[in-house]
Amino acid sequence: MFSRSNPRADKAAMAKERPPPPSVAEGVISIVGPGMKVLGDLETEGTLRIEGAVKGTVRAAKAVVIGKEGSVEGDVHAHDAVIAGRVTGRVVVGSRLELQATSRLEGEVFAQRLQLEEGAVVNGPVSMGESSPAHSRPSSRAPGAVDATAPFGSAVTGPN
């Protein structure tokens, strides 16, 4: 009536039936929360959501989402991006960039596709399509150039 089964064989059979686990980065969303300030570069293989403030370069293999209260002072590199907050720096997007009505972008924009809502502000050159640079294109400043965003009386120059 009751048969005794081999527990090890049962576990092996169950393990064969399970689908392989997703990669670690797949589906992972990293968050810079409201009120949080990050000084330095951020990099993720997944998606990064910014509701706070970041001073540094932001890189995401999947997407960057910047909320209404979020801000980035530095370059943003991602496959896709949705911006509702502020960015001061270069934005390089391999696929789709969405600038929502509350967004304010000061700097160069490179994207394959662009969705711009009424009310969004872009101050800087915009390049779209095949002429867009690769994700790894570094921000450039001529040697000896002065950073116009530095406080009055301080001289901040590019790399020597």
N, C-alpha and C. Protein backbone atom coordinates (compact mmCIF):
# COMPACT_ATOMS: atom_id res chain seq x y z
N MET A 1 0.81 -1.17 0.00
CA MET A 1 0.00 0.00 0.00
C MET A 1 0.87 1.26 0.00
N PHE A 2 1.72 1.42 0.99
CA PHE A 2 2.65 2.55 1.00
C PHE A 2 4.00 2.04 0.57
N SER A 3 4.60 2.72 -0.37
CA SER A 3 5.93 2.30 -0.79
C SER A 3 6.95 3.29 -0.25
N ARG A 4 8.06 2.78 0.03
CA ARG A 4 9.14 3.62 0.53
C ARG A 4 9.93 4.16 -0.65
N SER A 5 10.03 5.47 -0.74
CA SER A 5 10.79 6.04 -1.86
C SER A 5 12.12 6.55 -1.35
N ASN A 6 13.01 6.73 -2.27
CA ASN A 6 14.35 7.21 -1.96
C ASN A 6 14.31 8.74 -1.92
N PRO A 7 14.55 9.36 -0.73
CA PRO A 7 14.47 10.83 -0.62
C PRO A 7 15.48 11.53 -1.52
N ARG A 8 16.65 10.95 -1.68
CA ARG A 8 17.67 11.58 -2.54
C ARG A 8 17.21 11.59 -3.99
N ALA A 9 16.61 10.54 -4.45
CA ALA A 9 16.12 10.47 -5.82
C ALA A 9 14.99 11.46 -6.03
N ASP A 10 14.12 11.62 -5.02
CA ASP A 10 13.02 12.58 -5.12
C ASP A 10 13.55 14.01 -5.24
N LYS A 11 14.57 14.36 -4.44
CA LYS A 11 15.15 15.70 -4.50
C LYS A 11 15.81 15.95 -5.84
N ALA A 12 16.50 14.97 -6.37
CA ALA A 12 17.15 15.11 -7.67
C ALA A 12 16.11 15.33 -8.77
N ALA A 13 15.00 14.61 -8.70
CA ALA A 13 13.94 14.77 -9.70
C ALA A 13 13.31 16.15 -9.60
N MET A 14 13.12 16.66 -8.37
CA MET A 14 12.54 18.00 -8.18
C MET A 14 13.48 19.07 -8.71
N ALA A 15 14.78 18.88 -8.49
CA ALA A 15 15.76 19.86 -8.95
C ALA A 15 15.77 19.93 -10.47
N LYS A 16 15.57 18.80 -11.14
CA LYS A 16 15.54 18.78 -12.61
C LYS A 16 14.33 19.52 -13.15
N GLU A 17 13.22 19.54 -12.40
CA GLU A 17 11.98 20.17 -12.85
C GLU A 17 12.01 21.69 -12.71
N ARG A 18 12.82 22.22 -11.83
CA ARG A 18 12.88 23.66 -11.58
C ARG A 18 13.54 24.38 -12.75
N PRO A 19 13.01 25.54 -13.11
CA PRO A 19 13.68 26.34 -14.14
C PRO A 19 14.96 26.93 -13.56
N PRO A 20 15.94 27.25 -14.41
CA PRO A 20 17.17 27.83 -13.88
C PRO A 20 16.88 29.19 -13.25
N PRO A 21 17.60 29.53 -12.18
CA PRO A 21 17.34 30.83 -11.54
C PRO A 21 17.76 31.96 -12.46
N PRO A 22 17.07 33.12 -12.38
CA PRO A 22 17.45 34.26 -13.22
C PRO A 22 18.81 34.78 -12.79
N SER A 23 19.50 35.49 -13.69
CA SER A 23 20.79 36.06 -13.33
C SER A 23 20.57 37.06 -12.20
N VAL A 24 21.60 37.32 -11.46
CA VAL A 24 21.50 38.20 -10.29
C VAL A 24 21.01 39.59 -10.68
N ALA A 25 21.50 40.13 -11.79
CA ALA A 25 21.15 41.49 -12.19
C ALA A 25 19.75 41.59 -12.78
N GLU A 26 19.24 40.48 -13.29
CA GLU A 26 17.93 40.50 -13.93
C GLU A 26 16.84 40.83 -12.92
N GLY A 27 16.11 41.90 -13.16
CA GLY A 27 15.02 42.25 -12.28
C GLY A 27 15.42 43.01 -11.02
N VAL A 28 16.71 43.28 -10.84
CA VAL A 28 17.16 43.98 -9.64
C VAL A 28 17.06 45.49 -9.87
N ILE A 29 16.44 46.18 -8.93
CA ILE A 29 16.34 47.64 -8.99
C ILE A 29 17.04 48.21 -7.77
N SER A 30 18.07 49.01 -8.02
CA SER A 30 18.78 49.69 -6.93
C SER A 30 18.15 51.08 -6.79
N ILE A 31 18.03 51.53 -5.54
CA ILE A 31 17.32 52.79 -5.28
C ILE A 31 18.17 53.75 -4.46
N VAL A 32 18.25 55.00 -4.93
CA VAL A 32 18.77 56.10 -4.13
C VAL A 32 17.51 56.83 -3.67
N GLY A 33 17.17 56.64 -2.41
CA GLY A 33 15.90 57.12 -1.89
C GLY A 33 15.82 58.61 -1.66
N PRO A 34 14.61 59.12 -1.41
CA PRO A 34 14.42 60.54 -1.13
C PRO A 34 15.24 60.96 0.09
N GLY A 35 15.88 62.10 0.01
CA GLY A 35 16.69 62.60 1.11
C GLY A 35 18.10 62.03 1.14
N MET A 36 18.37 61.04 0.32
CA MET A 36 19.71 60.42 0.28
C MET A 36 20.60 61.19 -0.68
N LYS A 37 21.86 61.41 -0.29
CA LYS A 37 22.85 62.09 -1.14
C LYS A 37 24.02 61.15 -1.35
N VAL A 38 24.39 60.95 -2.61
CA VAL A 38 25.51 60.08 -2.96
C VAL A 38 26.57 60.93 -3.64
N LEU A 39 27.79 60.89 -3.09
CA LEU A 39 28.93 61.56 -3.70
C LEU A 39 29.84 60.47 -4.26
N GLY A 40 29.87 60.34 -5.57
CA GLY A 40 30.68 59.30 -6.20
C GLY A 40 29.91 58.64 -7.33
N ASP A 41 30.59 57.76 -8.04
CA ASP A 41 29.99 57.10 -9.19
C ASP A 41 29.15 55.90 -8.77
N LEU A 42 28.09 55.64 -9.52
CA LEU A 42 27.21 54.50 -9.28
C LEU A 42 27.20 53.64 -10.53
N GLU A 43 27.24 52.31 -10.35
CA GLU A 43 27.20 51.40 -11.50
C GLU A 43 26.43 50.15 -11.11
N THR A 44 25.53 49.71 -12.01
CA THR A 44 24.75 48.50 -11.77
C THR A 44 24.54 47.75 -13.07
N GLU A 45 24.38 46.46 -12.96
CA GLU A 45 24.05 45.63 -14.13
C GLU A 45 22.55 45.62 -14.37
N GLY A 46 21.79 46.16 -13.43
CA GLY A 46 20.33 46.17 -13.54
C GLY A 46 19.81 47.56 -13.80
N THR A 47 18.79 47.95 -13.01
CA THR A 47 18.13 49.24 -13.13
C THR A 47 18.41 50.07 -11.89
N LEU A 48 18.57 51.38 -12.07
CA LEU A 48 18.81 52.28 -10.95
C LEU A 48 17.72 53.34 -10.93
N ARG A 49 17.06 53.48 -9.77
CA ARG A 49 16.04 54.51 -9.57
C ARG A 49 16.61 55.55 -8.62
N ILE A 50 16.54 56.82 -9.02
CA ILE A 50 17.10 57.91 -8.22
C ILE A 50 15.98 58.85 -7.80
N GLU A 51 15.74 58.91 -6.50
CA GLU A 51 14.76 59.83 -5.92
C GLU A 51 15.46 60.88 -5.06
N GLY A 52 16.76 60.68 -4.82
CA GLY A 52 17.58 61.60 -4.04
C GLY A 52 18.53 62.36 -4.95
N ALA A 53 19.74 62.64 -4.44
CA ALA A 53 20.73 63.42 -5.20
C ALA A 53 22.01 62.62 -5.39
N VAL A 54 22.55 62.68 -6.60
CA VAL A 54 23.81 62.00 -6.93
C VAL A 54 24.75 63.01 -7.56
N LYS A 55 25.98 63.07 -7.04
CA LYS A 55 27.05 63.85 -7.67
C LYS A 55 28.10 62.85 -8.13
N GLY A 56 28.09 62.54 -9.42
CA GLY A 56 29.00 61.56 -9.98
C GLY A 56 28.38 60.92 -11.20
N THR A 57 29.13 60.05 -11.84
CA THR A 57 28.65 59.36 -13.03
C THR A 57 27.74 58.20 -12.64
N VAL A 58 26.65 58.05 -13.38
CA VAL A 58 25.67 56.98 -13.15
C VAL A 58 25.68 56.07 -14.38
N ARG A 59 25.90 54.76 -14.15
CA ARG A 59 25.89 53.77 -15.25
C ARG A 59 24.98 52.62 -14.87
N ALA A 60 24.06 52.28 -15.79
CA ALA A 60 23.17 51.13 -15.58
C ALA A 60 23.08 50.35 -16.88
N ALA A 61 23.29 49.04 -16.79
CA ALA A 61 23.21 48.21 -17.99
C ALA A 61 21.79 48.17 -18.55
N LYS A 62 20.80 48.27 -17.67
CA LYS A 62 19.41 48.25 -18.15
C LYS A 62 18.84 49.66 -18.23
N ALA A 63 18.47 50.24 -17.11
CA ALA A 63 17.77 51.53 -17.15
C ALA A 63 18.12 52.41 -15.96
N VAL A 64 17.95 53.70 -16.18
CA VAL A 64 18.05 54.70 -15.11
C VAL A 64 16.71 55.43 -15.08
N VAL A 65 16.11 55.53 -13.90
CA VAL A 65 14.86 56.26 -13.71
C VAL A 65 15.14 57.34 -12.67
N ILE A 66 14.94 58.60 -13.05
CA ILE A 66 15.16 59.71 -12.13
C ILE A 66 13.80 60.33 -11.84
N GLY A 67 13.37 60.23 -10.58
CA GLY A 67 12.07 60.74 -10.16
C GLY A 67 12.01 62.25 -10.14
N LYS A 68 10.82 62.80 -9.90
CA LYS A 68 10.59 64.25 -9.90
C LYS A 68 11.52 64.99 -8.96
N GLU A 69 11.81 64.41 -7.81
CA GLU A 69 12.67 65.05 -6.81
C GLU A 69 14.13 64.60 -6.94
N GLY A 70 14.41 63.73 -7.88
CA GLY A 70 15.77 63.22 -8.06
C GLY A 70 16.64 64.17 -8.86
N SER A 71 17.96 64.10 -8.61
CA SER A 71 18.88 64.94 -9.37
C SER A 71 20.22 64.23 -9.54
N VAL A 72 20.86 64.50 -10.66
CA VAL A 72 22.19 63.96 -10.95
C VAL A 72 23.06 65.09 -11.45
N GLU A 73 24.20 65.30 -10.80
CA GLU A 73 25.22 66.21 -11.30
C GLU A 73 26.35 65.32 -11.79
N GLY A 74 26.33 65.01 -13.07
CA GLY A 74 27.30 64.11 -13.67
C GLY A 74 26.68 63.43 -14.86
N ASP A 75 27.44 62.57 -15.49
CA ASP A 75 26.96 61.89 -16.69
C ASP A 75 26.07 60.71 -16.35
N VAL A 76 25.12 60.43 -17.23
CA VAL A 76 24.21 59.29 -17.09
C VAL A 76 24.37 58.41 -18.32
N HIS A 77 24.67 57.11 -18.11
CA HIS A 77 24.82 56.14 -19.19
C HIS A 77 23.89 54.97 -18.90
N ALA A 78 23.03 54.62 -19.87
CA ALA A 78 22.10 53.51 -19.68
C ALA A 78 21.58 53.02 -21.02
N HIS A 79 20.96 51.85 -20.99
CA HIS A 79 20.30 51.34 -22.20
C HIS A 79 19.00 52.13 -22.43
N ASP A 80 18.22 52.33 -21.38
CA ASP A 80 17.00 53.13 -21.42
C ASP A 80 17.02 54.09 -20.24
N ALA A 81 16.34 55.23 -20.37
CA ALA A 81 16.26 56.17 -19.25
C ALA A 81 14.93 56.91 -19.28
N VAL A 82 14.41 57.16 -18.07
CA VAL A 82 13.21 57.98 -17.89
C VAL A 82 13.61 59.05 -16.88
N ILE A 83 13.48 60.30 -17.28
CA ILE A 83 13.90 61.40 -16.41
C ILE A 83 12.72 62.31 -16.13
N ALA A 84 12.43 62.50 -14.84
CA ALA A 84 11.39 63.43 -14.41
C ALA A 84 12.00 64.54 -13.55
N GLY A 85 13.25 64.36 -13.12
CA GLY A 85 13.94 65.32 -12.27
C GLY A 85 14.98 66.12 -13.04
N ARG A 86 16.11 66.42 -12.36
CA ARG A 86 17.16 67.28 -12.93
C ARG A 86 18.42 66.48 -13.24
N VAL A 87 19.03 66.80 -14.38
CA VAL A 87 20.34 66.25 -14.73
C VAL A 87 21.20 67.38 -15.25
N THR A 88 22.39 67.50 -14.68
CA THR A 88 23.38 68.44 -15.18
C THR A 88 24.57 67.60 -15.62
N GLY A 89 24.71 67.39 -16.92
CA GLY A 89 25.77 66.55 -17.46
C GLY A 89 25.32 65.87 -18.73
N ARG A 90 26.16 65.03 -19.24
CA ARG A 90 25.89 64.30 -20.49
C ARG A 90 24.98 63.11 -20.22
N VAL A 91 24.00 62.90 -21.10
CA VAL A 91 23.10 61.74 -21.01
C VAL A 91 23.31 60.91 -22.28
N VAL A 92 23.76 59.66 -22.09
CA VAL A 92 24.02 58.75 -23.21
C VAL A 92 23.13 57.52 -23.02
N VAL A 93 22.18 57.35 -23.95
CA VAL A 93 21.21 56.26 -23.85
C VAL A 93 21.27 55.42 -25.12
N GLY A 94 21.48 54.13 -24.96
CA GLY A 94 21.63 53.24 -26.10
C GLY A 94 20.34 52.99 -26.86
N SER A 95 19.19 53.17 -26.21
CA SER A 95 17.93 52.89 -26.88
C SER A 95 16.96 54.07 -26.72
N ARG A 96 16.15 54.07 -25.66
CA ARG A 96 15.06 55.05 -25.53
C ARG A 96 15.26 55.96 -24.33
N LEU A 97 15.13 57.27 -24.58
CA LEU A 97 15.18 58.28 -23.52
C LEU A 97 13.82 58.96 -23.46
N GLU A 98 13.23 58.97 -22.26
CA GLU A 98 11.96 59.65 -22.05
C GLU A 98 12.19 60.81 -21.09
N LEU A 99 11.88 62.02 -21.55
CA LEU A 99 11.99 63.21 -20.71
C LEU A 99 10.57 63.65 -20.37
N GLN A 100 10.21 63.48 -19.10
CA GLN A 100 8.86 63.81 -18.67
C GLN A 100 8.71 65.32 -18.46
N ALA A 101 7.48 65.78 -18.33
CA ALA A 101 7.16 67.21 -18.27
C ALA A 101 7.91 67.96 -17.17
N THR A 102 8.24 67.28 -16.08
CA THR A 102 8.91 67.94 -14.96
C THR A 102 10.44 67.90 -15.06
N SER A 103 10.96 67.32 -16.12
CA SER A 103 12.42 67.15 -16.23
C SER A 103 13.11 68.43 -16.66
N ARG A 104 14.38 68.54 -16.22
CA ARG A 104 15.24 69.66 -16.62
C ARG A 104 16.62 69.08 -16.86
N LEU A 105 17.09 69.18 -18.11
CA LEU A 105 18.37 68.60 -18.48
C LEU A 105 19.29 69.69 -19.01
N GLU A 106 20.45 69.81 -18.39
CA GLU A 106 21.46 70.79 -18.80
C GLU A 106 22.68 70.00 -19.26
N GLY A 107 22.85 69.84 -20.57
CA GLY A 107 24.00 69.11 -21.09
C GLY A 107 23.68 68.40 -22.38
N GLU A 108 24.67 67.68 -22.89
CA GLU A 108 24.53 66.96 -24.15
C GLU A 108 23.63 65.74 -23.99
N VAL A 109 22.88 65.44 -25.04
CA VAL A 109 22.00 64.27 -25.05
C VAL A 109 22.33 63.43 -26.28
N PHE A 110 22.56 62.13 -26.05
CA PHE A 110 22.77 61.17 -27.13
C PHE A 110 21.80 60.01 -26.89
N ALA A 111 20.93 59.75 -27.87
CA ALA A 111 19.96 58.65 -27.72
C ALA A 111 19.55 58.14 -29.10
N GLN A 112 19.17 56.88 -29.15
CA GLN A 112 18.63 56.33 -30.39
C GLN A 112 17.23 56.89 -30.65
N ARG A 113 16.40 56.90 -29.58
CA ARG A 113 15.03 57.40 -29.67
C ARG A 113 14.79 58.35 -28.50
N LEU A 114 13.94 59.34 -28.72
CA LEU A 114 13.65 60.34 -27.68
C LEU A 114 12.16 60.62 -27.62
N GLN A 115 11.62 60.57 -26.40
CA GLN A 115 10.24 61.00 -26.17
C GLN A 115 10.31 62.20 -25.25
N LEU A 116 9.81 63.33 -25.71
CA LEU A 116 9.90 64.59 -24.97
C LEU A 116 8.49 65.09 -24.69
N GLU A 117 8.12 65.13 -23.41
CA GLU A 117 6.80 65.62 -23.03
C GLU A 117 6.81 67.15 -22.99
N GLU A 118 5.64 67.74 -23.26
CA GLU A 118 5.51 69.18 -23.18
C GLU A 118 5.82 69.64 -21.76
N GLY A 119 6.68 70.64 -21.65
CA GLY A 119 7.09 71.15 -20.34
C GLY A 119 8.50 70.74 -19.97
N ALA A 120 9.02 69.68 -20.58
CA ALA A 120 10.39 69.25 -20.31
C ALA A 120 11.34 70.32 -20.85
N VAL A 121 12.47 70.51 -20.17
CA VAL A 121 13.45 71.52 -20.57
C VAL A 121 14.77 70.81 -20.90
N VAL A 122 15.29 71.10 -22.09
CA VAL A 122 16.59 70.57 -22.51
C VAL A 122 17.44 71.75 -22.97
N ASN A 123 18.55 71.98 -22.27
CA ASN A 123 19.49 73.02 -22.65
C ASN A 123 20.81 72.36 -23.00
N GLY A 124 21.02 72.15 -24.30
CA GLY A 124 22.23 71.51 -24.79
C GLY A 124 21.94 70.80 -26.09
N PRO A 125 23.00 70.39 -26.77
CA PRO A 125 22.82 69.71 -28.06
C PRO A 125 22.21 68.32 -27.90
N VAL A 126 21.37 67.93 -28.86
CA VAL A 126 20.72 66.62 -28.86
C VAL A 126 21.13 65.89 -30.13
N SER A 127 21.67 64.67 -29.99
CA SER A 127 22.03 63.83 -31.14
C SER A 127 21.24 62.54 -31.04
N MET A 128 20.61 62.17 -32.15
CA MET A 128 19.79 60.96 -32.15
C MET A 128 20.19 60.05 -33.30
N GLY A 129 19.82 58.77 -33.15
CA GLY A 129 20.02 57.80 -34.21
C GLY A 129 21.41 57.20 -34.19
N GLU A 130 21.88 56.82 -35.35
CA GLU A 130 23.15 56.10 -35.49
C GLU A 130 24.35 56.93 -35.10
N SER A 131 24.24 58.24 -35.05
CA SER A 131 25.38 59.09 -34.72
C SER A 131 25.66 59.14 -33.22
N SER A 132 24.79 58.51 -32.41
CA SER A 132 24.98 58.53 -30.97
C SER A 132 26.22 57.74 -30.58
N PRO A 133 26.96 58.21 -29.57
CA PRO A 133 28.17 57.51 -29.15
C PRO A 133 27.85 56.25 -28.37
N ALA A 134 28.86 55.41 -28.21
CA ALA A 134 28.72 54.20 -27.39
C ALA A 134 28.60 54.61 -25.93
N HIS A 135 28.10 53.69 -25.08
CA HIS A 135 27.94 53.97 -23.64
C HIS A 135 29.23 54.42 -22.98
N SER A 136 30.35 53.99 -23.49
CA SER A 136 31.62 54.22 -22.80
C SER A 136 32.26 55.56 -23.13
N ARG A 137 31.63 56.36 -23.99
CA ARG A 137 32.24 57.62 -24.36
C ARG A 137 32.39 58.51 -23.13
N PRO A 138 33.62 58.89 -22.77
CA PRO A 138 33.82 59.69 -21.57
C PRO A 138 33.45 61.15 -21.79
N SER A 139 33.13 61.83 -20.70
CA SER A 139 32.88 63.25 -20.76
C SER A 139 34.20 63.94 -21.05
N SER A 140 34.18 64.95 -21.92
CA SER A 140 35.45 65.60 -22.26
C SER A 140 35.39 67.08 -21.95
N ARG A 141 36.50 67.58 -21.50
CA ARG A 141 36.65 69.01 -21.26
C ARG A 141 38.07 69.34 -21.69
N ALA A 142 38.21 70.40 -22.43
CA ALA A 142 39.54 70.78 -22.91
C ALA A 142 40.46 71.05 -21.72
N PRO A 143 41.74 70.63 -21.82
CA PRO A 143 42.68 70.90 -20.74
C PRO A 143 42.74 72.40 -20.46
N GLY A 144 42.68 72.75 -19.20
CA GLY A 144 42.75 74.14 -18.79
C GLY A 144 41.42 74.86 -18.83
N ALA A 145 40.35 74.19 -19.26
CA ALA A 145 39.03 74.83 -19.32
C ALA A 145 38.50 75.04 -17.91
N VAL A 146 37.76 76.09 -17.74
CA VAL A 146 37.20 76.41 -16.43
C VAL A 146 35.79 75.84 -16.35
N ASP A 147 35.47 75.23 -15.21
CA ASP A 147 34.13 74.68 -14.99
C ASP A 147 33.18 75.83 -14.67
N ALA A 148 32.23 76.09 -15.57
CA ALA A 148 31.31 77.22 -15.40
C ALA A 148 30.36 77.02 -14.25
N THR A 149 30.24 75.79 -13.72
CA THR A 149 29.32 75.54 -12.61
C THR A 149 30.01 75.70 -11.26
N ALA A 150 31.32 75.95 -11.26
CA ALA A 150 32.05 76.11 -10.00
C ALA A 150 31.67 77.44 -9.36
N PRO A 151 31.71 77.52 -8.01
CA PRO A 151 31.39 78.77 -7.34
C PRO A 151 32.32 79.89 -7.78
N PHE A 152 31.79 81.13 -7.80
CA PHE A 152 32.58 82.28 -8.21
C PHE A 152 33.84 82.40 -7.36
N GLY A 153 34.94 82.65 -8.02
CA GLY A 153 36.20 82.82 -7.31
C GLY A 153 37.02 81.53 -7.20
N SER A 154 36.43 80.39 -7.54
CA SER A 154 37.20 79.15 -7.49
C SER A 154 37.49 78.72 -8.92
N ALA A 155 38.66 78.20 -9.14
CA ALA A 155 39.04 77.73 -10.48
C ALA A 155 39.13 76.22 -10.46
N VAL A 156 38.24 75.59 -11.18
CA VAL A 156 38.25 74.14 -11.30
C VAL A 156 38.58 73.84 -12.75
N THR A 157 39.62 73.08 -12.99
CA THR A 157 40.00 72.81 -14.36
C THR A 157 39.90 71.33 -14.65
N GLY A 158 39.93 71.01 -15.92
CA GLY A 158 39.86 69.62 -16.37
C GLY A 158 41.14 68.88 -16.10
N PRO A 159 41.21 67.59 -16.47
CA PRO A 159 42.40 66.79 -16.23
C PRO A 159 43.58 67.33 -17.01
N ASN A 160 44.77 67.25 -16.43
CA ASN A 160 45.99 67.76 -17.08
C ASN A 160 46.61 66.74 -17.97
